[in-house]
Amino acid sequence: MLEFFKRKSRKAESSKEVARQNESPSDDLNAPLVQGTHFYIENGNYVFTEYYLKNRGYCCGNRCRHCPYPDAESKDQ
């Protein structure tokens, strides 16, 4: 009986491992940002890319250059 539970927990651990491997770096909100993918530096300012802003999932209302949410941006004005 104890062997059954050990097998079940090993299977659950391996499925979690597979799920982690299938995630893209943007799926983890605590993952470090990558220059060139998530942002670039222009005249000393950090500029977020459209890729990063889409994955963030909302408009911050700061009129970002690459904002993929133009409707949300115009509502703030």
N, C-alpha and C. Protein backbone atom coordinates (compact mmCIF):
# COMPACT_ATOMS: atom_id res chain seq x y z
N MET A 1 0.83 -1.19 0.00
CA MET A 1 0.00 0.00 0.00
C MET A 1 0.87 1.26 0.00
N LEU A 2 1.90 1.29 0.79
CA LEU A 2 2.79 2.44 0.88
C LEU A 2 3.49 2.68 -0.47
N GLU A 3 3.80 1.63 -1.18
CA GLU A 3 4.45 1.74 -2.48
C GLU A 3 3.55 2.49 -3.48
N PHE A 4 2.25 2.29 -3.39
CA PHE A 4 1.31 2.97 -4.27
C PHE A 4 1.41 4.49 -4.10
N PHE A 5 1.45 4.96 -2.87
CA PHE A 5 1.54 6.40 -2.60
C PHE A 5 2.88 6.97 -3.05
N LYS A 6 3.94 6.21 -2.90
CA LYS A 6 5.25 6.68 -3.35
C LYS A 6 5.25 6.86 -4.86
N ARG A 7 4.67 5.89 -5.59
CA ARG A 7 4.62 5.99 -7.05
C ARG A 7 3.77 7.19 -7.47
N LYS A 8 2.66 7.40 -6.80
CA LYS A 8 1.76 8.50 -7.14
C LYS A 8 2.46 9.84 -6.93
N SER A 9 3.19 10.00 -5.83
CA SER A 9 3.85 11.28 -5.57
C SER A 9 4.99 11.52 -6.55
N ARG A 10 5.71 10.45 -6.95
CA ARG A 10 6.77 10.60 -7.95
C ARG A 10 6.19 11.05 -9.29
N LYS A 11 5.02 10.50 -9.65
CA LYS A 11 4.37 10.86 -10.90
C LYS A 11 3.94 12.32 -10.86
N ALA A 12 3.40 12.78 -9.74
CA ALA A 12 2.98 14.17 -9.61
C ALA A 12 4.17 15.11 -9.71
N GLU A 13 5.29 14.74 -9.08
CA GLU A 13 6.50 15.56 -9.15
C GLU A 13 7.01 15.66 -10.58
N SER A 14 6.99 14.53 -11.31
CA SER A 14 7.49 14.56 -12.68
C SER A 14 6.58 15.38 -13.58
N SER A 15 5.27 15.38 -13.36
CA SER A 15 4.37 16.19 -14.18
C SER A 15 4.57 17.67 -13.90
N LYS A 16 4.89 18.04 -12.65
CA LYS A 16 5.18 19.44 -12.33
C LYS A 16 6.47 19.87 -13.01
N GLU A 17 7.43 18.97 -13.05
CA GLU A 17 8.71 19.25 -13.71
C GLU A 17 8.50 19.50 -15.19
N VAL A 18 7.69 18.70 -15.84
CA VAL A 18 7.41 18.86 -17.26
C VAL A 18 6.69 20.18 -17.50
N ALA A 19 5.76 20.54 -16.64
CA ALA A 19 5.04 21.80 -16.78
C ALA A 19 6.01 22.97 -16.67
N ARG A 20 6.96 22.92 -15.75
CA ARG A 20 7.94 23.99 -15.60
C ARG A 20 8.81 24.12 -16.85
N GLN A 21 9.15 22.99 -17.47
CA GLN A 21 9.99 23.02 -18.66
C GLN A 21 9.25 23.63 -19.84
N ASN A 22 7.92 23.48 -19.88
CA ASN A 22 7.13 24.00 -20.99
C ASN A 22 6.81 25.48 -20.86
N GLU A 23 7.04 26.06 -19.69
CA GLU A 23 6.75 27.47 -19.50
C GLU A 23 7.78 28.32 -20.22
N SER A 24 7.33 29.44 -20.76
CA SER A 24 8.29 30.39 -21.33
C SER A 24 8.77 31.29 -20.20
N PRO A 25 9.90 31.96 -20.36
CA PRO A 25 10.41 32.82 -19.30
C PRO A 25 9.42 33.89 -18.87
N SER A 26 8.56 34.35 -19.78
CA SER A 26 7.61 35.39 -19.44
C SER A 26 6.48 34.87 -18.55
N ASP A 27 6.29 33.54 -18.47
CA ASP A 27 5.24 33.00 -17.61
C ASP A 27 5.55 33.21 -16.14
N ASP A 28 6.80 33.36 -15.79
CA ASP A 28 7.20 33.56 -14.41
C ASP A 28 7.37 35.05 -14.17
N LEU A 29 6.49 35.63 -13.36
CA LEU A 29 6.53 37.08 -13.13
C LEU A 29 7.76 37.50 -12.35
N ASN A 30 8.43 36.57 -11.69
CA ASN A 30 9.62 36.89 -10.92
C ASN A 30 10.91 36.65 -11.70
N ALA A 31 10.79 36.22 -12.95
CA ALA A 31 11.98 35.97 -13.77
C ALA A 31 12.67 37.29 -14.10
N PRO A 32 13.98 37.29 -14.18
CA PRO A 32 14.69 38.54 -14.51
C PRO A 32 14.38 38.98 -15.94
N LEU A 33 14.33 40.29 -16.14
CA LEU A 33 14.10 40.84 -17.48
C LEU A 33 15.37 40.72 -18.31
N VAL A 34 15.21 40.50 -19.60
CA VAL A 34 16.33 40.31 -20.51
C VAL A 34 16.42 41.51 -21.45
N GLN A 35 17.57 42.17 -21.43
CA GLN A 35 17.76 43.32 -22.31
C GLN A 35 17.68 42.87 -23.76
N GLY A 36 16.92 43.60 -24.55
CA GLY A 36 16.72 43.24 -25.95
C GLY A 36 15.44 42.47 -26.17
N THR A 37 15.00 41.72 -25.18
CA THR A 37 13.74 40.98 -25.27
C THR A 37 12.63 41.72 -24.55
N HIS A 38 12.88 42.13 -23.33
CA HIS A 38 11.88 42.80 -22.50
C HIS A 38 12.03 44.32 -22.50
N PHE A 39 13.23 44.80 -22.70
CA PHE A 39 13.48 46.24 -22.70
C PHE A 39 14.76 46.55 -23.46
N TYR A 40 14.95 47.82 -23.77
CA TYR A 40 16.23 48.30 -24.29
C TYR A 40 16.47 49.67 -23.66
N ILE A 41 17.70 50.12 -23.74
CA ILE A 41 18.06 51.40 -23.12
C ILE A 41 18.31 52.41 -24.24
N GLU A 42 17.61 53.54 -24.13
CA GLU A 42 17.74 54.60 -25.13
C GLU A 42 17.93 55.93 -24.41
N ASN A 43 19.06 56.58 -24.63
CA ASN A 43 19.38 57.85 -23.97
C ASN A 43 19.29 57.74 -22.45
N GLY A 44 19.68 56.61 -21.91
CA GLY A 44 19.67 56.41 -20.47
C GLY A 44 18.32 56.01 -19.89
N ASN A 45 17.30 55.89 -20.74
CA ASN A 45 15.97 55.48 -20.28
C ASN A 45 15.68 54.03 -20.66
N TYR A 46 15.03 53.32 -19.78
CA TYR A 46 14.61 51.96 -20.06
C TYR A 46 13.30 52.02 -20.83
N VAL A 47 13.25 51.37 -21.99
CA VAL A 47 12.07 51.36 -22.83
C VAL A 47 11.59 49.91 -22.93
N PHE A 48 10.37 49.66 -22.43
CA PHE A 48 9.82 48.31 -22.48
C PHE A 48 9.37 47.98 -23.89
N THR A 49 9.59 46.73 -24.30
CA THR A 49 9.19 46.28 -25.63
C THR A 49 7.72 45.88 -25.62
N GLU A 50 7.14 45.79 -26.80
CA GLU A 50 5.75 45.35 -26.91
C GLU A 50 5.58 43.94 -26.35
N TYR A 51 6.59 43.10 -26.57
CA TYR A 51 6.57 41.73 -26.05
C TYR A 51 6.37 41.74 -24.53
N TYR A 52 7.16 42.55 -23.83
CA TYR A 52 7.05 42.63 -22.37
C TYR A 52 5.69 43.18 -21.95
N LEU A 53 5.26 44.25 -22.61
CA LEU A 53 4.00 44.90 -22.22
C LEU A 53 2.80 43.98 -22.46
N LYS A 54 2.81 43.21 -23.54
CA LYS A 54 1.72 42.25 -23.80
C LYS A 54 1.69 41.18 -22.71
N ASN A 55 2.86 40.67 -22.35
CA ASN A 55 2.93 39.62 -21.35
C ASN A 55 2.58 40.12 -19.96
N ARG A 56 2.80 41.41 -19.70
CA ARG A 56 2.42 41.99 -18.41
C ARG A 56 0.91 41.94 -18.27
N GLY A 57 0.18 42.17 -19.37
CA GLY A 57 -1.25 41.94 -19.38
C GLY A 57 -2.16 43.12 -19.13
N TYR A 58 -1.63 44.32 -18.95
CA TYR A 58 -2.49 45.48 -18.74
C TYR A 58 -1.76 46.76 -19.12
N CYS A 59 -2.53 47.81 -19.34
CA CYS A 59 -1.95 49.12 -19.64
C CYS A 59 -1.74 49.87 -18.34
N CYS A 60 -0.55 50.44 -18.16
CA CYS A 60 -0.25 51.17 -16.93
C CYS A 60 -0.69 52.63 -17.01
N GLY A 61 -1.03 53.11 -18.20
CA GLY A 61 -1.48 54.48 -18.36
C GLY A 61 -0.36 55.51 -18.47
N ASN A 62 0.90 55.05 -18.60
CA ASN A 62 2.03 55.97 -18.69
C ASN A 62 2.40 56.32 -20.12
N ARG A 63 1.55 55.96 -21.08
CA ARG A 63 1.76 56.24 -22.50
C ARG A 63 3.09 55.68 -23.00
N CYS A 64 3.32 54.42 -22.71
CA CYS A 64 4.55 53.74 -23.14
C CYS A 64 4.64 53.75 -24.67
N ARG A 65 5.84 53.86 -25.17
CA ARG A 65 6.08 53.94 -26.61
C ARG A 65 5.53 52.72 -27.35
N HIS A 66 5.71 51.53 -26.80
CA HIS A 66 5.30 50.30 -27.48
C HIS A 66 4.04 49.68 -26.89
N CYS A 67 3.19 50.50 -26.28
CA CYS A 67 1.98 49.99 -25.62
C CYS A 67 1.07 49.26 -26.62
N PRO A 68 0.75 47.99 -26.34
CA PRO A 68 -0.13 47.24 -27.24
C PRO A 68 -1.61 47.46 -26.92
N TYR A 69 -1.91 48.40 -26.01
CA TYR A 69 -3.28 48.67 -25.58
C TYR A 69 -3.67 50.10 -25.91
N PRO A 70 -3.78 50.46 -27.20
CA PRO A 70 -4.05 51.85 -27.56
C PRO A 70 -5.40 52.35 -27.06
N ASP A 71 -6.41 51.49 -26.99
CA ASP A 71 -7.72 51.91 -26.50
C ASP A 71 -7.66 52.31 -25.03
N ALA A 72 -6.95 51.53 -24.22
CA ALA A 72 -6.82 51.83 -22.80
C ALA A 72 -6.06 53.14 -22.61
N GLU A 73 -5.07 53.39 -23.46
CA GLU A 73 -4.25 54.59 -23.35
C GLU A 73 -5.10 55.84 -23.65
N SER A 74 -5.94 55.78 -24.68
CA SER A 74 -6.74 56.95 -25.05
C SER A 74 -7.83 57.24 -24.04
N LYS A 75 -8.30 56.26 -23.29
CA LYS A 75 -9.32 56.47 -22.26
C LYS A 75 -8.78 57.29 -21.09
N ASP A 76 -7.48 57.21 -20.84
CA ASP A 76 -6.88 57.92 -19.71
C ASP A 76 -6.76 59.42 -19.96
N GLN A 77 -6.84 59.86 -21.20
CA GLN A 77 -6.64 61.28 -21.52
C GLN A 77 -7.81 62.13 -21.16
